[in-house]
Amino acid sequence: MRRMIPMIVLFPLAFSLHAHAQECAPSDETQMCLNVRAEEAHKAEDAKLNKAYHEIMGRLADSHEDKALLQAAQRAWIAFRDAECAFATNHSQDGSIYPLLLSECKAELTKARVAQLGAYLNCEEGDMSCPVPPAQ
């Protein structure tokens, strides 16, 4: 029964955030709208990350070992991102700005990871230090 209580409490909050997101004008500087826009920015970077990750996995289709290594690296990176952002935003955990700071932290680190994976996708042919083969 304890597991039901958080869901019952969180569902109205999530619904409220979604409903409010539709009300946010670009010039709206309320904390709620700033939080919503920061979360949207994080989701956009996360979509780019997933696209790059899946493209690399596709290029590594012939190497189960390389795929397993990338998967392990990505899982470790996610753990690092979450731990780093928990540390960086801990001081604001009880404040209304916390969702904004957490989303901004995750978006910034995700953007850096997208650049890192993007570099693997754009290696020059013959670059032996590149772990990802060129596109076919």
N, C-alpha and C. Protein backbone atom coordinates (compact mmCIF):
# COMPACT_ATOMS: atom_id res chain seq x y z
N MET A 1 0.82 -1.20 0.00
CA MET A 1 0.00 0.00 0.00
C MET A 1 0.87 1.26 0.00
N ARG A 2 2.04 1.20 0.62
CA ARG A 2 2.91 2.37 0.65
C ARG A 2 3.33 2.81 -0.73
N ARG A 3 3.49 1.88 -1.65
CA ARG A 3 3.91 2.23 -3.01
C ARG A 3 2.80 2.99 -3.73
N MET A 4 1.58 2.78 -3.37
CA MET A 4 0.46 3.46 -4.01
C MET A 4 0.40 4.93 -3.62
N ILE A 5 0.78 5.25 -2.40
CA ILE A 5 0.66 6.62 -1.92
C ILE A 5 1.49 7.58 -2.76
N PRO A 6 2.78 7.31 -3.04
CA PRO A 6 3.53 8.26 -3.87
C PRO A 6 2.91 8.44 -5.25
N MET A 7 2.41 7.37 -5.85
CA MET A 7 1.81 7.51 -7.17
C MET A 7 0.56 8.38 -7.11
N ILE A 8 -0.24 8.20 -6.06
CA ILE A 8 -1.44 9.00 -5.91
C ILE A 8 -1.08 10.46 -5.71
N VAL A 9 -0.02 10.72 -4.97
CA VAL A 9 0.42 12.08 -4.73
C VAL A 9 1.08 12.67 -5.97
N LEU A 10 1.89 11.88 -6.68
CA LEU A 10 2.64 12.39 -7.83
C LEU A 10 1.78 12.57 -9.07
N PHE A 11 0.76 11.76 -9.25
CA PHE A 11 -0.05 11.86 -10.46
C PHE A 11 -0.67 13.25 -10.62
N PRO A 12 -1.34 13.79 -9.58
CA PRO A 12 -1.88 15.15 -9.75
C PRO A 12 -0.80 16.19 -10.02
N LEU A 13 0.38 16.03 -9.39
CA LEU A 13 1.47 16.96 -9.62
C LEU A 13 1.94 16.88 -11.07
N ALA A 14 2.13 15.68 -11.59
CA ALA A 14 2.56 15.52 -12.98
C ALA A 14 1.51 16.07 -13.92
N PHE A 15 0.25 15.82 -13.63
CA PHE A 15 -0.83 16.33 -14.47
C PHE A 15 -0.84 17.85 -14.45
N SER A 16 -0.61 18.42 -13.25
CA SER A 16 -0.57 19.87 -13.11
C SER A 16 0.58 20.48 -13.90
N LEU A 17 1.77 19.85 -13.85
CA LEU A 17 2.91 20.34 -14.61
C LEU A 17 2.64 20.30 -16.11
N HIS A 18 2.03 19.21 -16.57
CA HIS A 18 1.72 19.07 -17.99
C HIS A 18 0.70 20.13 -18.41
N ALA A 19 -0.33 20.31 -17.61
CA ALA A 19 -1.36 21.29 -17.94
C ALA A 19 -0.75 22.70 -17.95
N HIS A 20 0.12 22.97 -16.98
CA HIS A 20 0.73 24.29 -16.90
C HIS A 20 1.71 24.52 -18.04
N ALA A 21 2.35 23.47 -18.49
CA ALA A 21 3.30 23.60 -19.59
C ALA A 21 2.62 24.15 -20.83
N GLN A 22 1.37 23.77 -21.04
CA GLN A 22 0.64 24.25 -22.20
C GLN A 22 0.28 25.72 -22.06
N GLU A 23 0.30 26.25 -20.83
CA GLU A 23 -0.05 27.64 -20.58
C GLU A 23 1.15 28.58 -20.64
N CYS A 24 2.36 28.06 -20.68
CA CYS A 24 3.56 28.88 -20.61
C CYS A 24 3.83 29.58 -21.93
N ALA A 25 3.77 30.88 -21.89
CA ALA A 25 4.16 31.68 -23.05
C ALA A 25 5.67 31.82 -23.03
N PRO A 26 6.29 32.05 -24.20
CA PRO A 26 7.75 32.20 -24.25
C PRO A 26 8.29 33.27 -23.31
N SER A 27 7.49 34.29 -23.05
CA SER A 27 7.95 35.38 -22.18
C SER A 27 7.61 35.14 -20.70
N ASP A 28 6.93 34.04 -20.40
CA ASP A 28 6.52 33.75 -19.02
C ASP A 28 7.75 33.35 -18.20
N GLU A 29 8.08 34.13 -17.21
CA GLU A 29 9.26 33.89 -16.38
C GLU A 29 8.91 33.35 -15.00
N THR A 30 7.72 32.77 -14.84
CA THR A 30 7.39 32.16 -13.55
C THR A 30 8.30 30.96 -13.32
N GLN A 31 8.49 30.62 -12.07
CA GLN A 31 9.37 29.49 -11.76
C GLN A 31 8.85 28.21 -12.42
N MET A 32 7.55 28.02 -12.42
CA MET A 32 6.97 26.82 -13.02
C MET A 32 7.33 26.75 -14.51
N CYS A 33 7.20 27.85 -15.22
CA CYS A 33 7.51 27.83 -16.66
C CYS A 33 9.01 27.68 -16.92
N LEU A 34 9.82 28.29 -16.08
CA LEU A 34 11.27 28.10 -16.22
C LEU A 34 11.63 26.63 -16.00
N ASN A 35 11.00 26.01 -15.01
CA ASN A 35 11.22 24.59 -14.75
C ASN A 35 10.79 23.74 -15.94
N VAL A 36 9.63 24.05 -16.48
CA VAL A 36 9.09 23.28 -17.62
C VAL A 36 10.01 23.41 -18.83
N ARG A 37 10.45 24.63 -19.13
CA ARG A 37 11.33 24.83 -20.29
C ARG A 37 12.68 24.14 -20.10
N ALA A 38 13.19 24.15 -18.88
CA ALA A 38 14.47 23.46 -18.61
C ALA A 38 14.31 21.96 -18.81
N GLU A 39 13.20 21.41 -18.37
CA GLU A 39 12.95 19.97 -18.57
C GLU A 39 12.80 19.66 -20.06
N GLU A 40 12.14 20.52 -20.80
CA GLU A 40 12.00 20.32 -22.24
C GLU A 40 13.36 20.37 -22.93
N ALA A 41 14.24 21.26 -22.48
CA ALA A 41 15.59 21.35 -23.06
C ALA A 41 16.37 20.07 -22.76
N HIS A 42 16.22 19.56 -21.56
CA HIS A 42 16.88 18.30 -21.21
C HIS A 42 16.36 17.17 -22.07
N LYS A 43 15.06 17.10 -22.26
CA LYS A 43 14.47 16.05 -23.09
C LYS A 43 14.95 16.14 -24.53
N ALA A 44 15.13 17.35 -25.04
CA ALA A 44 15.62 17.54 -26.41
C ALA A 44 17.06 17.03 -26.53
N GLU A 45 17.90 17.34 -25.56
CA GLU A 45 19.28 16.84 -25.58
C GLU A 45 19.30 15.32 -25.44
N ASP A 46 18.41 14.79 -24.61
CA ASP A 46 18.34 13.34 -24.41
C ASP A 46 17.93 12.64 -25.71
N ALA A 47 17.04 13.26 -26.48
CA ALA A 47 16.64 12.68 -27.77
C ALA A 47 17.84 12.64 -28.73
N LYS A 48 18.65 13.69 -28.74
CA LYS A 48 19.86 13.71 -29.56
C LYS A 48 20.83 12.63 -29.12
N LEU A 49 20.95 12.46 -27.80
CA LEU A 49 21.84 11.43 -27.26
C LEU A 49 21.38 10.04 -27.70
N ASN A 50 20.11 9.78 -27.58
CA ASN A 50 19.59 8.47 -27.98
C ASN A 50 19.80 8.21 -29.46
N LYS A 51 19.64 9.23 -30.27
CA LYS A 51 19.85 9.08 -31.72
C LYS A 51 21.31 8.72 -32.01
N ALA A 52 22.23 9.45 -31.41
CA ALA A 52 23.66 9.18 -31.64
C ALA A 52 24.04 7.79 -31.11
N TYR A 53 23.55 7.44 -29.94
CA TYR A 53 23.85 6.14 -29.35
C TYR A 53 23.37 5.01 -30.26
N HIS A 54 22.15 5.12 -30.74
CA HIS A 54 21.61 4.07 -31.60
C HIS A 54 22.32 4.00 -32.95
N GLU A 55 22.75 5.14 -33.45
CA GLU A 55 23.51 5.13 -34.70
C GLU A 55 24.85 4.41 -34.49
N ILE A 56 25.51 4.69 -33.39
CA ILE A 56 26.77 4.00 -33.10
C ILE A 56 26.52 2.51 -32.93
N MET A 57 25.49 2.15 -32.18
CA MET A 57 25.19 0.72 -31.99
C MET A 57 24.94 0.04 -33.34
N GLY A 58 24.30 0.74 -34.25
CA GLY A 58 24.07 0.18 -35.59
C GLY A 58 25.37 -0.04 -36.34
N ARG A 59 26.30 0.89 -36.19
CA ARG A 59 27.59 0.74 -36.86
C ARG A 59 28.44 -0.36 -36.25
N LEU A 60 28.17 -0.67 -34.99
CA LEU A 60 28.92 -1.72 -34.29
C LEU A 60 28.24 -3.08 -34.40
N ALA A 61 27.31 -3.22 -35.29
CA ALA A 61 26.50 -4.43 -35.38
C ALA A 61 27.34 -5.70 -35.52
N ASP A 62 28.50 -5.60 -36.13
CA ASP A 62 29.34 -6.79 -36.33
C ASP A 62 30.20 -7.14 -35.13
N SER A 63 30.23 -6.29 -34.13
CA SER A 63 31.11 -6.54 -32.98
C SER A 63 30.31 -6.54 -31.68
N HIS A 64 30.00 -7.72 -31.20
CA HIS A 64 29.27 -7.83 -29.94
C HIS A 64 30.09 -7.28 -28.78
N GLU A 65 31.41 -7.44 -28.85
CA GLU A 65 32.27 -6.94 -27.78
C GLU A 65 32.22 -5.41 -27.71
N ASP A 66 32.33 -4.76 -28.87
CA ASP A 66 32.28 -3.29 -28.89
C ASP A 66 30.92 -2.78 -28.43
N LYS A 67 29.86 -3.46 -28.85
CA LYS A 67 28.52 -3.06 -28.42
C LYS A 67 28.38 -3.17 -26.91
N ALA A 68 28.89 -4.25 -26.33
CA ALA A 68 28.81 -4.45 -24.88
C ALA A 68 29.64 -3.38 -24.15
N LEU A 69 30.79 -3.03 -24.71
CA LEU A 69 31.62 -1.99 -24.09
C LEU A 69 30.94 -0.62 -24.14
N LEU A 70 30.32 -0.29 -25.29
CA LEU A 70 29.60 0.97 -25.39
C LEU A 70 28.43 1.00 -24.42
N GLN A 71 27.71 -0.10 -24.34
CA GLN A 71 26.58 -0.17 -23.43
C GLN A 71 27.03 0.03 -21.98
N ALA A 72 28.13 -0.61 -21.60
CA ALA A 72 28.67 -0.43 -20.24
C ALA A 72 29.10 1.01 -20.01
N ALA A 73 29.74 1.60 -21.00
CA ALA A 73 30.18 2.99 -20.88
C ALA A 73 28.99 3.93 -20.74
N GLN A 74 27.94 3.67 -21.51
CA GLN A 74 26.76 4.53 -21.45
C GLN A 74 26.06 4.40 -20.11
N ARG A 75 25.96 3.19 -19.60
CA ARG A 75 25.35 3.00 -18.28
C ARG A 75 26.17 3.70 -17.20
N ALA A 76 27.47 3.61 -17.29
CA ALA A 76 28.34 4.29 -16.32
C ALA A 76 28.21 5.80 -16.46
N TRP A 77 28.09 6.28 -17.69
CA TRP A 77 27.94 7.72 -17.90
C TRP A 77 26.62 8.21 -17.30
N ILE A 78 25.54 7.47 -17.48
CA ILE A 78 24.25 7.86 -16.91
C ILE A 78 24.35 7.91 -15.39
N ALA A 79 25.00 6.91 -14.80
CA ALA A 79 25.19 6.92 -13.34
C ALA A 79 26.01 8.13 -12.91
N PHE A 80 27.07 8.44 -13.67
CA PHE A 80 27.87 9.63 -13.38
C PHE A 80 27.04 10.90 -13.48
N ARG A 81 26.30 11.04 -14.59
CA ARG A 81 25.47 12.25 -14.79
C ARG A 81 24.50 12.44 -13.64
N ASP A 82 23.81 11.38 -13.27
CA ASP A 82 22.83 11.48 -12.20
C ASP A 82 23.48 11.81 -10.86
N ALA A 83 24.62 11.18 -10.55
CA ALA A 83 25.32 11.45 -9.30
C ALA A 83 25.90 12.87 -9.29
N GLU A 84 26.47 13.29 -10.40
CA GLU A 84 27.03 14.64 -10.50
C GLU A 84 25.95 15.70 -10.31
N CYS A 85 24.82 15.50 -10.96
CA CYS A 85 23.74 16.48 -10.85
C CYS A 85 23.10 16.46 -9.46
N ALA A 86 23.04 15.29 -8.84
CA ALA A 86 22.54 15.22 -7.46
C ALA A 86 23.46 16.02 -6.54
N PHE A 87 24.76 15.88 -6.73
CA PHE A 87 25.73 16.63 -5.94
C PHE A 87 25.62 18.13 -6.22
N ALA A 88 25.60 18.48 -7.49
CA ALA A 88 25.62 19.90 -7.88
C ALA A 88 24.36 20.65 -7.46
N THR A 89 23.25 19.95 -7.32
CA THR A 89 21.98 20.62 -7.01
C THR A 89 21.50 20.34 -5.58
N ASN A 90 22.28 19.62 -4.81
CA ASN A 90 21.85 19.21 -3.47
C ASN A 90 21.44 20.40 -2.59
N HIS A 91 22.16 21.50 -2.71
CA HIS A 91 21.89 22.66 -1.85
C HIS A 91 20.51 23.28 -2.11
N SER A 92 19.90 23.00 -3.25
CA SER A 92 18.61 23.61 -3.59
C SER A 92 17.47 22.60 -3.56
N GLN A 93 17.72 21.43 -3.04
CA GLN A 93 16.76 20.33 -3.11
C GLN A 93 15.38 20.68 -2.57
N ASP A 94 15.30 21.53 -1.59
CA ASP A 94 14.01 21.87 -1.00
C ASP A 94 13.39 23.13 -1.60
N GLY A 95 14.01 23.69 -2.60
CA GLY A 95 13.51 24.94 -3.17
C GLY A 95 12.76 24.75 -4.48
N SER A 96 12.02 25.75 -4.87
CA SER A 96 11.25 25.69 -6.11
C SER A 96 12.15 25.74 -7.35
N ILE A 97 13.39 26.16 -7.17
CA ILE A 97 14.32 26.23 -8.30
C ILE A 97 15.00 24.88 -8.57
N TYR A 98 14.85 23.93 -7.66
CA TYR A 98 15.52 22.63 -7.80
C TYR A 98 15.25 21.95 -9.14
N PRO A 99 13.99 21.85 -9.61
CA PRO A 99 13.77 21.19 -10.91
C PRO A 99 14.51 21.89 -12.06
N LEU A 100 14.57 23.21 -12.00
CA LEU A 100 15.29 23.97 -13.03
C LEU A 100 16.77 23.63 -13.01
N LEU A 101 17.39 23.68 -11.83
CA LEU A 101 18.82 23.41 -11.72
C LEU A 101 19.15 21.97 -12.10
N LEU A 102 18.32 21.02 -11.68
CA LEU A 102 18.55 19.62 -12.01
C LEU A 102 18.44 19.40 -13.52
N SER A 103 17.42 19.95 -14.14
CA SER A 103 17.26 19.80 -15.59
C SER A 103 18.38 20.46 -16.35
N GLU A 104 18.80 21.66 -15.91
CA GLU A 104 19.91 22.34 -16.57
C GLU A 104 21.20 21.54 -16.46
N CYS A 105 21.45 20.97 -15.30
CA CYS A 105 22.65 20.16 -15.11
C CYS A 105 22.63 18.95 -16.04
N LYS A 106 21.51 18.25 -16.05
CA LYS A 106 21.41 17.06 -16.90
C LYS A 106 21.51 17.43 -18.38
N ALA A 107 20.89 18.55 -18.77
CA ALA A 107 20.95 18.98 -20.17
C ALA A 107 22.38 19.30 -20.57
N GLU A 108 23.11 20.00 -19.71
CA GLU A 108 24.49 20.39 -20.03
C GLU A 108 25.40 19.17 -20.16
N LEU A 109 25.29 18.25 -19.23
CA LEU A 109 26.13 17.04 -19.31
C LEU A 109 25.72 16.17 -20.49
N THR A 110 24.44 16.12 -20.77
CA THR A 110 23.97 15.34 -21.92
C THR A 110 24.45 15.95 -23.23
N LYS A 111 24.43 17.27 -23.30
CA LYS A 111 24.94 17.96 -24.49
C LYS A 111 26.41 17.62 -24.72
N ALA A 112 27.20 17.58 -23.65
CA ALA A 112 28.61 17.22 -23.77
C ALA A 112 28.76 15.77 -24.24
N ARG A 113 27.92 14.88 -23.75
CA ARG A 113 27.98 13.47 -24.17
C ARG A 113 27.57 13.34 -25.64
N VAL A 114 26.60 14.11 -26.07
CA VAL A 114 26.20 14.11 -27.48
C VAL A 114 27.38 14.52 -28.35
N ALA A 115 28.11 15.53 -27.93
CA ALA A 115 29.30 15.97 -28.69
C ALA A 115 30.35 14.87 -28.73
N GLN A 116 30.53 14.18 -27.62
CA GLN A 116 31.51 13.09 -27.57
C GLN A 116 31.11 11.96 -28.51
N LEU A 117 29.85 11.55 -28.46
CA LEU A 117 29.40 10.49 -29.37
C LEU A 117 29.42 10.97 -30.81
N GLY A 118 29.10 12.25 -31.01
CA GLY A 118 29.13 12.82 -32.36
C GLY A 118 30.53 12.77 -32.96
N ALA A 119 31.51 12.97 -32.12
CA ALA A 119 32.90 12.88 -32.60
C ALA A 119 33.21 11.47 -33.09
N TYR A 120 32.69 10.46 -32.39
CA TYR A 120 32.88 9.07 -32.84
C TYR A 120 32.20 8.83 -34.18
N LEU A 121 31.09 9.50 -34.39
CA LEU A 121 30.35 9.30 -35.65
C LEU A 121 30.99 10.03 -36.82
N ASN A 122 31.91 10.94 -36.54
CA ASN A 122 32.50 11.76 -37.60
C ASN A 122 34.01 11.61 -37.69
N CYS A 123 34.51 10.45 -37.32
CA CYS A 123 35.95 10.21 -37.42
C CYS A 123 36.38 10.19 -38.89
N GLU A 124 37.59 10.63 -39.11
CA GLU A 124 38.13 10.56 -40.46
C GLU A 124 38.48 9.11 -40.80
N GLU A 125 38.28 8.77 -42.03
CA GLU A 125 38.60 7.41 -42.47
C GLU A 125 40.07 7.11 -42.21
N GLY A 126 40.34 5.94 -41.67
CA GLY A 126 41.70 5.54 -41.36
C GLY A 126 42.15 5.93 -39.96
N ASP A 127 41.32 6.64 -39.21
CA ASP A 127 41.66 7.04 -37.85
C ASP A 127 41.60 5.82 -36.94
N MET A 128 42.74 5.27 -36.60
CA MET A 128 42.81 4.04 -35.82
C MET A 128 42.42 4.25 -34.35
N SER A 129 42.37 5.50 -33.90
CA SER A 129 41.98 5.77 -32.52
C SER A 129 40.46 5.87 -32.36
N CYS A 130 39.75 5.79 -33.47
CA CYS A 130 38.29 5.91 -33.44
C CYS A 130 37.67 4.51 -33.26
N PRO A 131 36.82 4.35 -32.23
CA PRO A 131 36.24 3.03 -31.99
C PRO A 131 35.01 2.71 -32.85
N VAL A 132 34.57 3.67 -33.65
CA VAL A 132 33.35 3.48 -34.44
C VAL A 132 33.68 3.50 -35.94
N PRO A 133 33.26 2.46 -36.65
CA PRO A 133 33.54 2.45 -38.10
C PRO A 133 32.73 3.53 -38.81
N PRO A 134 33.21 3.97 -39.98
CA PRO A 134 32.46 5.00 -40.74
C PRO A 134 31.13 4.45 -41.24
N ALA A 135 30.24 5.39 -41.54
CA ALA A 135 28.93 5.00 -42.08
C ALA A 135 29.10 4.37 -43.44
N GLN A 136 28.27 3.43 -43.73
CA GLN A 136 28.32 2.74 -45.03
C GLN A 136 27.46 3.41 -46.06
